[in-house]
PDB file of N, CA and C in Angstrom:
ATOM      1  N   UNK A   1       3.266 -14.257 -13.953  1.00  0.00           N
ATOM      2  CA  UNK A   1       3.265 -14.267 -12.500  1.00  0.00           C
ATOM      3  C   UNK A   1       2.177 -13.328 -11.990  1.00  0.00           C
ATOM      4  N   UNK A   2       1.938 -13.433 -10.691  1.00  0.00           N
ATOM      5  CA  UNK A   2       0.897 -12.608 -10.073  1.00  0.00           C
ATOM      6  C   UNK A   2       1.337 -12.224  -8.672  1.00  0.00           C
ATOM      7  N   UNK A   3       0.978 -11.005  -8.289  1.00  0.00           N
ATOM      8  CA  UNK A   3       1.175 -10.587  -6.901  1.00  0.00           C
ATOM      9  C   UNK A   3      -0.155 -10.148  -6.322  1.00  0.00           C
ATOM     10  N   UNK A   4      -0.260 -10.306  -5.020  1.00  0.00           N
ATOM     11  CA  UNK A   4      -1.333  -9.708  -4.252  1.00  0.00           C
ATOM     12  C   UNK A   4      -0.634  -8.798  -3.267  1.00  0.00           C
ATOM     13  N   UNK A   5      -0.922  -7.504  -3.330  1.00  0.00           N
ATOM     14  CA  UNK A   5      -0.255  -6.531  -2.476  1.00  0.00           C
ATOM     15  C   UNK A   5      -1.280  -5.798  -1.621  1.00  0.00           C
ATOM     16  N   UNK A   6      -0.915  -5.562  -0.372  1.00  0.00           N
ATOM     17  CA  UNK A   6      -1.730  -4.785   0.547  1.00  0.00           C
ATOM     18  C   UNK A   6      -0.912  -3.562   0.924  1.00  0.00           C
ATOM     19  N   UNK A   7      -1.447  -2.385   0.607  1.00  0.00           N
ATOM     20  CA  UNK A   7      -0.728  -1.135   0.845  1.00  0.00           C
ATOM     21  C   UNK A   7      -1.367  -0.429   2.036  1.00  0.00           C
ATOM     22  N   UNK A   8      -0.544  -0.126   3.037  1.00  0.00           N
ATOM     23  CA  UNK A   8      -1.008   0.525   4.254  1.00  0.00           C
ATOM     24  C   UNK A   8      -0.448   1.939   4.328  1.00  0.00           C
ATOM     25  N   UNK A   9      -1.218   2.833   4.916  1.00  0.00           N
ATOM     26  CA  UNK A   9      -0.806   4.225   5.067  1.00  0.00           C
ATOM     27  C   UNK A   9      -1.961   5.135   4.694  1.00  0.00           C
ATOM     28  N   UNK A  10      -1.633   6.355   4.296  1.00  0.00           N
ATOM     29  CA  UNK A  10      -2.663   7.293   3.845  1.00  0.00           C
ATOM     30  C   UNK A  10      -2.842   7.078   2.337  1.00  0.00           C
ATOM     31  N   UNK A  11      -3.666   6.075   2.016  1.00  0.00           N
ATOM     32  CA  UNK A  11      -3.825   5.676   0.620  1.00  0.00           C
ATOM     33  C   UNK A  11      -5.285   5.657   0.159  1.00  0.00           C
ATOM     34  N   UNK A  12      -6.184   6.124   1.004  1.00  0.00           N
ATOM     35  CA  UNK A  12      -7.584   6.251   0.589  1.00  0.00           C
ATOM     36  C   UNK A  12      -7.956   7.732   0.606  1.00  0.00           C
ATOM     37  N   UNK A  13      -8.726   8.126  -0.406  1.00  0.00           N
ATOM     38  CA  UNK A  13      -9.173   9.514  -0.492  1.00  0.00           C
ATOM     39  C   UNK A  13      -8.108  10.468  -1.023  1.00  0.00           C
ATOM     40  N   UNK A  14      -7.037   9.920  -1.604  1.00  0.00           N
ATOM     41  CA  UNK A  14      -5.954  10.761  -2.127  1.00  0.00           C
ATOM     42  C   UNK A  14      -5.612  10.427  -3.584  1.00  0.00           C
ATOM     43  N   UNK A  15      -6.473   9.668  -4.252  1.00  0.00           N
ATOM     44  CA  UNK A  15      -6.249   9.309  -5.646  1.00  0.00           C
ATOM     45  C   UNK A  15      -5.249   8.182  -5.851  1.00  0.00           C
ATOM     46  N   UNK A  16      -4.982   7.422  -4.807  1.00  0.00           N
ATOM     47  CA  UNK A  16      -3.973   6.373  -4.893  1.00  0.00           C
ATOM     48  C   UNK A  16      -4.365   5.271  -5.881  1.00  0.00           C
ATOM     49  N   UNK A  17      -5.636   4.904  -5.914  1.00  0.00           N
ATOM     50  CA  UNK A  17      -6.053   3.853  -6.848  1.00  0.00           C
ATOM     51  C   UNK A  17      -5.826   4.278  -8.296  1.00  0.00           C
ATOM     52  N   UNK A  18      -6.076   5.544  -8.609  1.00  0.00           N
ATOM     53  CA  UNK A  18      -5.863   6.041  -9.962  1.00  0.00           C
ATOM     54  C   UNK A  18      -4.368   6.070 -10.295  1.00  0.00           C
ATOM     55  N   UNK A  19      -3.553   6.407  -9.305  1.00  0.00           N
ATOM     56  CA  UNK A  19      -2.093   6.355  -9.449  1.00  0.00           C
ATOM     57  C   UNK A  19      -1.655   4.933  -9.779  1.00  0.00           C
ATOM     58  N   UNK A  20      -2.202   3.947  -9.062  1.00  0.00           N
ATOM     59  CA  UNK A  20      -1.857   2.543  -9.274  1.00  0.00           C
ATOM     60  C   UNK A  20      -2.240   2.104 -10.685  1.00  0.00           C
ATOM     61  N   UNK A  21      -3.433   2.445 -11.118  1.00  0.00           N
ATOM     62  CA  UNK A  21      -3.889   2.073 -12.464  1.00  0.00           C
ATOM     63  C   UNK A  21      -2.957   2.665 -13.522  1.00  0.00           C
ATOM     64  N   UNK A  22      -2.623   3.935 -13.378  1.00  0.00           N
ATOM     65  CA  UNK A  22      -1.753   4.599 -14.351  1.00  0.00           C
ATOM     66  C   UNK A  22      -0.394   3.909 -14.440  1.00  0.00           C
ATOM     67  N   UNK A  23       0.213   3.624 -13.302  1.00  0.00           N
ATOM     68  CA  UNK A  23       1.539   2.990 -13.282  1.00  0.00           C
ATOM     69  C   UNK A  23       1.470   1.556 -13.817  1.00  0.00           C
ATOM     70  N   UNK A  24       0.436   0.812 -13.437  1.00  0.00           N
ATOM     71  CA  UNK A  24       0.298  -0.573 -13.897  1.00  0.00           C
ATOM     72  C   UNK A  24       0.106  -0.633 -15.408  1.00  0.00           C
ATOM     73  N   UNK A  25      -0.738   0.230 -15.930  1.00  0.00           N
ATOM     74  CA  UNK A  25      -0.982   0.229 -17.378  1.00  0.00           C
ATOM     75  C   UNK A  25       0.279   0.612 -18.143  1.00  0.00           C
ATOM     76  N   UNK A  26       1.042   1.560 -17.600  1.00  0.00           N
ATOM     77  CA  UNK A  26       2.291   1.983 -18.244  1.00  0.00           C
ATOM     78  C   UNK A  26       3.282   0.816 -18.328  1.00  0.00           C
ATOM     79  N   UNK A  27       3.265  -0.062 -17.318  1.00  0.00           N
ATOM     80  CA  UNK A  27       4.140  -1.232 -17.308  1.00  0.00           C
ATOM     81  C   UNK A  27       3.562  -2.422 -18.087  1.00  0.00           C
ATOM     82  N   UNK A  28       2.315  -2.290 -18.547  1.00  0.00           N
ATOM     83  CA  UNK A  28       1.680  -3.369 -19.291  1.00  0.00           C
ATOM     84  C   UNK A  28       1.155  -4.485 -18.402  1.00  0.00           C
ATOM     85  N   UNK A  29       0.842  -4.158 -17.145  1.00  0.00           N
ATOM     86  CA  UNK A  29       0.309  -5.151 -16.209  1.00  0.00           C
ATOM     87  C   UNK A  29      -1.207  -5.209 -16.301  1.00  0.00           C
ATOM     88  N   UNK A  30      -1.768  -6.323 -15.905  1.00  0.00           N
ATOM     89  CA  UNK A  30      -3.218  -6.496 -15.804  1.00  0.00           C
ATOM     90  C   UNK A  30      -3.568  -6.783 -14.355  1.00  0.00           C
ATOM     91  N   UNK A  31      -4.801  -6.457 -13.950  1.00  0.00           N
ATOM     92  CA  UNK A  31      -5.237  -6.752 -12.595  1.00  0.00           C
ATOM     93  C   UNK A  31      -6.284  -5.774 -12.104  1.00  0.00           C
ATOM     94  N   UNK A  32      -6.368  -5.673 -10.775  1.00  0.00           N
ATOM     95  CA  UNK A  32      -7.348  -4.784 -10.145  1.00  0.00           C
ATOM     96  C   UNK A  32      -6.740  -4.113  -8.919  1.00  0.00           C
ATOM     97  N   UNK A  33      -7.332  -2.996  -8.557  1.00  0.00           N
ATOM     98  CA  UNK A  33      -6.996  -2.297  -7.323  1.00  0.00           C
ATOM     99  C   UNK A  33      -8.308  -1.905  -6.662  1.00  0.00           C
ATOM    100  N   UNK A  34      -8.362  -2.009  -5.327  1.00  0.00           N
ATOM    101  CA  UNK A  34      -9.598  -1.641  -4.613  1.00  0.00           C
ATOM    102  C   UNK A  34      -9.266  -1.221  -3.187  1.00  0.00           C
ATOM    103  N   UNK A  35     -10.125  -0.371  -2.641  1.00  0.00           N
ATOM    104  CA  UNK A  35     -10.032  -0.012  -1.229  1.00  0.00           C
ATOM    105  C   UNK A  35     -10.556  -1.175  -0.396  1.00  0.00           C
ATOM    106  N   UNK A  36      -9.950  -1.375   0.757  1.00  0.00           N
ATOM    107  CA  UNK A  36     -10.433  -2.370   1.709  1.00  0.00           C
ATOM    108  C   UNK A  36     -10.532  -1.694   3.076  1.00  0.00           C
ATOM    109  N   UNK A  37     -11.364  -2.227   3.972  1.00  0.00           N
ATOM    110  CA  UNK A  37     -11.526  -1.612   5.285  1.00  0.00           C
ATOM    111  C   UNK A  37     -10.190  -1.453   6.016  1.00  0.00           C
ATOM    112  N   UNK A  38     -10.128  -0.399   6.811  1.00  0.00           N
ATOM    113  CA  UNK A  38      -8.929  -0.139   7.595  1.00  0.00           C
ATOM    114  C   UNK A  38      -7.944   0.764   6.885  1.00  0.00           C
ATOM    115  N   UNK A  39      -8.451   1.598   5.957  1.00  0.00           N
ATOM    116  CA  UNK A  39      -7.588   2.546   5.248  1.00  0.00           C
ATOM    117  C   UNK A  39      -6.476   1.851   4.469  1.00  0.00           C
ATOM    118  N   UNK A  40      -6.800   0.743   3.817  1.00  0.00           N
ATOM    119  CA  UNK A  40      -5.828  -0.020   3.040  1.00  0.00           C
ATOM    120  C   UNK A  40      -6.294  -0.122   1.594  1.00  0.00           C
ATOM    121  N   UNK A  41      -5.336  -0.401   0.723  1.00  0.00           N
ATOM    122  CA  UNK A  41      -5.628  -0.646  -0.677  1.00  0.00           C
ATOM    123  C   UNK A  41      -5.058  -2.012  -1.026  1.00  0.00           C
ATOM    124  N   UNK A  42      -5.873  -2.833  -1.703  1.00  0.00           N
ATOM    125  CA  UNK A  42      -5.443  -4.163  -2.124  1.00  0.00           C
ATOM    126  C   UNK A  42      -5.277  -4.174  -3.640  1.00  0.00           C
ATOM    127  N   UNK A  43      -4.190  -4.798  -4.084  1.00  0.00           N
ATOM    128  CA  UNK A  43      -3.873  -4.841  -5.502  1.00  0.00           C
ATOM    129  C   UNK A  43      -3.572  -6.282  -5.909  1.00  0.00           C
ATOM    130  N   UNK A  44      -4.168  -6.703  -7.005  1.00  0.00           N
ATOM    131  CA  UNK A  44      -3.788  -7.952  -7.655  1.00  0.00           C
ATOM    132  C   UNK A  44      -3.261  -7.555  -9.017  1.00  0.00           C
ATOM    133  N   UNK A  45      -2.019  -7.945  -9.305  1.00  0.00           N
ATOM    134  CA  UNK A  45      -1.399  -7.568 -10.575  1.00  0.00           C
ATOM    135  C   UNK A  45      -0.734  -8.781 -11.213  1.00  0.00           C
ATOM    136  N   UNK A  46      -0.795  -8.814 -12.552  1.00  0.00           N
ATOM    137  CA  UNK A  46      -0.209  -9.916 -13.311  1.00  0.00           C
ATOM    138  C   UNK A  46       0.723  -9.365 -14.379  1.00  0.00           C
ATOM    139  N   UNK A  47       1.827 -10.080 -14.578  1.00  0.00           N
ATOM    140  CA  UNK A  47       2.787  -9.689 -15.603  1.00  0.00           C
ATOM    141  C   UNK A  47       4.086 -10.443 -15.400  1.00  0.00           C
ATOM    142  N   UNK A  48       5.138  -9.960 -16.038  1.00  0.00           N
ATOM    143  CA  UNK A  48       6.438 -10.607 -15.884  1.00  0.00           C
ATOM    144  C   UNK A  48       7.012 -10.300 -14.504  1.00  0.00           C
ATOM    145  N   UNK A  49       7.890 -11.156 -14.037  1.00  0.00           N
ATOM    146  CA  UNK A  49       8.498 -10.960 -12.720  1.00  0.00           C
ATOM    147  C   UNK A  49       9.224  -9.619 -12.639  1.00  0.00           C
ATOM    148  N   UNK A  50       9.947  -9.271 -13.693  1.00  0.00           N
ATOM    149  CA  UNK A  50      10.702  -8.018 -13.704  1.00  0.00           C
ATOM    150  C   UNK A  50       9.788  -6.801 -13.584  1.00  0.00           C
ATOM    151  N   UNK A  51       8.704  -6.805 -14.345  1.00  0.00           N
ATOM    152  CA  UNK A  51       7.772  -5.668 -14.291  1.00  0.00           C
ATOM    153  C   UNK A  51       7.043  -5.613 -12.959  1.00  0.00           C
ATOM    154  N   UNK A  52       6.703  -6.764 -12.392  1.00  0.00           N
ATOM    155  CA  UNK A  52       6.045  -6.779 -11.087  1.00  0.00           C
ATOM    156  C   UNK A  52       6.985  -6.290  -9.991  1.00  0.00           C
ATOM    157  N   UNK A  53       8.258  -6.650 -10.064  1.00  0.00           N
ATOM    158  CA  UNK A  53       9.226  -6.158  -9.077  1.00  0.00           C
ATOM    159  C   UNK A  53       9.343  -4.639  -9.151  1.00  0.00           C
ATOM    160  N   UNK A  54       9.389  -4.085 -10.357  1.00  0.00           N
ATOM    161  CA  UNK A  54       9.426  -2.641 -10.530  1.00  0.00           C
ATOM    162  C   UNK A  54       8.149  -2.000 -10.002  1.00  0.00           C
ATOM    163  N   UNK A  55       7.021  -2.616 -10.272  1.00  0.00           N
ATOM    164  CA  UNK A  55       5.723  -2.119  -9.804  1.00  0.00           C
ATOM    165  C   UNK A  55       5.681  -2.054  -8.279  1.00  0.00           C
ATOM    166  N   UNK A  56       6.199  -3.073  -7.615  1.00  0.00           N
ATOM    167  CA  UNK A  56       6.234  -3.080  -6.143  1.00  0.00           C
ATOM    168  C   UNK A  56       7.059  -1.902  -5.634  1.00  0.00           C
ATOM    169  N   UNK A  57       8.180  -1.613  -6.270  1.00  0.00           N
ATOM    170  CA  UNK A  57       9.006  -0.474  -5.858  1.00  0.00           C
ATOM    171  C   UNK A  57       8.249   0.843  -6.044  1.00  0.00           C
ATOM    172  N   UNK A  58       7.490   0.945  -7.127  1.00  0.00           N
ATOM    173  CA  UNK A  58       6.666   2.140  -7.367  1.00  0.00           C
ATOM    174  C   UNK A  58       5.603   2.265  -6.284  1.00  0.00           C
ATOM    175  N   UNK A  59       4.988   1.145  -5.898  1.00  0.00           N
ATOM    176  CA  UNK A  59       3.976   1.169  -4.834  1.00  0.00           C
ATOM    177  C   UNK A  59       4.578   1.665  -3.526  1.00  0.00           C
ATOM    178  N   UNK A  60       5.783   1.249  -3.224  1.00  0.00           N
ATOM    179  CA  UNK A  60       6.445   1.660  -1.977  1.00  0.00           C
ATOM    180  C   UNK A  60       6.698   3.158  -1.951  1.00  0.00           C
ATOM    181  N   UNK A  61       7.003   3.746  -3.117  1.00  0.00           N
ATOM    182  CA  UNK A  61       7.207   5.193  -3.199  1.00  0.00           C
ATOM    183  C   UNK A  61       5.892   5.937  -3.020  1.00  0.00           C
ATOM    184  N   UNK A  62       4.829   5.404  -3.595  1.00  0.00           N
ATOM    185  CA  UNK A  62       3.505   6.007  -3.463  1.00  0.00           C
ATOM    186  C   UNK A  62       3.306   7.225  -4.335  1.00  0.00           C
ATOM    187  N   UNK A  63       2.119   7.802  -4.215  1.00  0.00           N
ATOM    188  CA  UNK A  63       1.766   8.994  -4.981  1.00  0.00           C
ATOM    189  C   UNK A  63       2.128  10.235  -4.181  1.00  0.00           C
ATOM    190  N   UNK A  64       2.116  11.380  -4.854  1.00  0.00           N
ATOM    191  CA  UNK A  64       2.519  12.621  -4.192  1.00  0.00           C
ATOM    192  C   UNK A  64       1.519  13.063  -3.119  1.00  0.00           C
ATOM    193  N   UNK A  65       0.254  12.674  -3.216  1.00  0.00           N
ATOM    194  CA  UNK A  65      -0.747  13.109  -2.245  1.00  0.00           C
ATOM    195  C   UNK A  65      -0.901  12.150  -1.063  1.00  0.00           C
ATOM    196  N   UNK A  66      -0.497  10.930  -1.238  1.00  0.00           N
ATOM    197  CA  UNK A  66      -0.640   9.935  -0.179  1.00  0.00           C
ATOM    198  C   UNK A  66       0.665   9.701   0.555  1.00  0.00           C
ATOM    199  N   UNK A  67       0.621   8.737   1.473  1.00  0.00           N
ATOM    200  CA  UNK A  67       1.826   8.345   2.210  1.00  0.00           C
ATOM    201  C   UNK A  67       1.755   6.845   2.476  1.00  0.00           C
ATOM    202  N   UNK A  68       2.684   6.111   1.881  1.00  0.00           N
ATOM    203  CA  UNK A  68       2.730   4.664   2.050  1.00  0.00           C
ATOM    204  C   UNK A  68       3.605   4.328   3.246  1.00  0.00           C
ATOM    205  N   UNK A  69       3.031   3.589   4.192  1.00  0.00           N
ATOM    206  CA  UNK A  69       3.791   3.145   5.359  1.00  0.00           C
ATOM    207  C   UNK A  69       4.381   1.760   5.145  1.00  0.00           C
ATOM    208  N   UNK A  70       3.635   0.889   4.456  1.00  0.00           N
ATOM    209  CA  UNK A  70       4.091  -0.484   4.273  1.00  0.00           C
ATOM    210  C   UNK A  70       3.389  -1.104   3.073  1.00  0.00           C
ATOM    211  N   UNK A  71       4.116  -1.976   2.371  1.00  0.00           N
ATOM    212  CA  UNK A  71       3.546  -2.753   1.275  1.00  0.00           C
ATOM    213  C   UNK A  71       3.830  -4.221   1.566  1.00  0.00           C
ATOM    214  N   UNK A  72       2.769  -4.985   1.762  1.00  0.00           N
ATOM    215  CA  UNK A  72       2.899  -6.427   1.991  1.00  0.00           C
ATOM    216  C   UNK A  72       2.616  -7.121   0.670  1.00  0.00           C
ATOM    217  N   UNK A  73       3.548  -7.950   0.211  1.00  0.00           N
ATOM    218  CA  UNK A  73       3.429  -8.572  -1.103  1.00  0.00           C
ATOM    219  C   UNK A  73       3.476 -10.088  -0.974  1.00  0.00           C
ATOM    220  N   UNK A  74       2.538 -10.727  -1.663  1.00  0.00           N
ATOM    221  CA  UNK A  74       2.514 -12.184  -1.756  1.00  0.00           C
ATOM    222  C   UNK A  74       2.632 -12.550  -3.234  1.00  0.00           C
ATOM    223  N   UNK A  75       3.633 -13.359  -3.555  1.00  0.00           N
ATOM    224  CA  UNK A  75       3.845 -13.812  -4.937  1.00  0.00           C
ATOM    225  C   UNK A  75       3.059 -15.100  -5.158  1.00  0.00           C
ATOM    226  N   UNK A  76       2.324 -15.145  -6.281  1.00  0.00           N
ATOM    227  CA  UNK A  76       1.439 -16.269  -6.572  1.00  0.00           C
ATOM    228  C   UNK A  76       1.561 -16.704  -8.021  1.00  0.00           C
ATOM    229  N   UNK A  77       1.056 -17.889  -8.305  1.00  0.00           N
ATOM    230  CA  UNK A  77       0.827 -18.278  -9.692  1.00  0.00           C
ATOM    231  C   UNK A  77      -0.453 -17.578 -10.115  1.00  0.00           C
ATOM    232  N   UNK A  78      -0.597 -17.289 -11.401  1.00  0.00           N
ATOM    233  CA  UNK A  78      -1.811 -16.625 -11.870  1.00  0.00           C
ATOM    234  C   UNK A  78      -3.041 -17.440 -11.493  1.00  0.00           C
ATOM    235  N   UNK A  79      -4.012 -16.775 -10.846  1.00  0.00           N
ATOM    236  CA  UNK A  79      -5.218 -17.458 -10.411  1.00  0.00           C
ATOM    237  C   UNK A  79      -6.341 -17.341 -11.437  1.00  0.00           C
ATOM    238  N   UNK A  80      -6.488 -16.175 -12.013  1.00  0.00           N
ATOM    239  CA  UNK A  80      -7.453 -15.975 -13.091  1.00  0.00           C
ATOM    240  C   UNK A  80      -6.867 -14.927 -14.014  1.00  0.00           C
ATOM    241  N   UNK A  81      -7.326 -14.877 -15.205  1.00  0.00           N
ATOM    242  CA  UNK A  81      -6.749 -13.984 -16.197  1.00  0.00           C
ATOM    243  C   UNK A  81      -7.492 -12.655 -16.231  1.00  0.00           C
ATOM    244  N   UNK A  82      -6.767 -11.575 -16.019  1.00  0.00           N
ATOM    245  CA  UNK A  82      -7.320 -10.230 -16.171  1.00  0.00           C
ATOM    246  C   UNK A  82      -6.946  -9.725 -17.562  1.00  0.00           C
ATOM    247  N   UNK A  83      -7.847  -9.022 -18.212  1.00  0.00           N
ATOM    248  CA  UNK A  83      -7.593  -8.518 -19.567  1.00  0.00           C
ATOM    249  C   UNK A  83      -7.074  -7.096 -19.578  1.00  0.00           C
ATOM    250  N   UNK A  84      -7.182  -6.394 -18.463  1.00  0.00           N
ATOM    251  CA  UNK A  84      -6.686  -5.024 -18.347  1.00  0.00           C
ATOM    252  C   UNK A  84      -6.472  -4.730 -16.872  1.00  0.00           C
ATOM    253  N   UNK A  85      -6.046  -3.525 -16.564  1.00  0.00           N
ATOM    254  CA  UNK A  85      -5.898  -3.124 -15.160  1.00  0.00           C
ATOM    255  C   UNK A  85      -6.982  -2.101 -14.861  1.00  0.00           C
ATOM    256  N   UNK A  86      -7.753  -2.335 -13.790  1.00  0.00           N
ATOM    257  CA  UNK A  86      -8.883  -1.455 -13.503  1.00  0.00           C
ATOM    258  C   UNK A  86      -9.118  -1.318 -11.991  1.00  0.00           C
ATOM    259  N   UNK A  87      -9.948  -0.352 -11.679  1.00  0.00           N
ATOM    260  CA  UNK A  87     -10.369  -0.129 -10.292  1.00  0.00           C
ATOM    261  C   UNK A  87     -11.635  -0.948 -10.044  1.00  0.00           C
ATOM    262  N   UNK A  88     -11.646  -1.670  -8.949  1.00  0.00           N
ATOM    263  CA  UNK A  88     -12.838  -2.416  -8.555  1.00  0.00           C
ATOM    264  C   UNK A  88     -13.512  -1.634  -7.434  1.00  0.00           C
ATOM    265  N   UNK A  89     -14.772  -1.293  -7.628  1.00  0.00           N
ATOM    266  CA  UNK A  89     -15.511  -0.521  -6.627  1.00  0.00           C
ATOM    267  C   UNK A  89     -16.384  -1.431  -5.787  1.00  0.00           C
TER     268      UNK A  89
END
């Protein structure tokens, strides 16, 4: 399965993308995370439904330096295959 998540709040300039990569890799997920205009972070993640559901809950909690206001999640069929989880600049 695949999700596309948009995280809103204080999530840029606080190491949030590195937090996302660490948590995703720990869960064995593949995908990308990147900053998008408007102080948002966009995430595409692939893995089992159970691990993705847990990942979404982790995203909602956020990192200790940032503050997550909202996580918008869209569930999708896998669109392309990612081989690891990384930051896209």
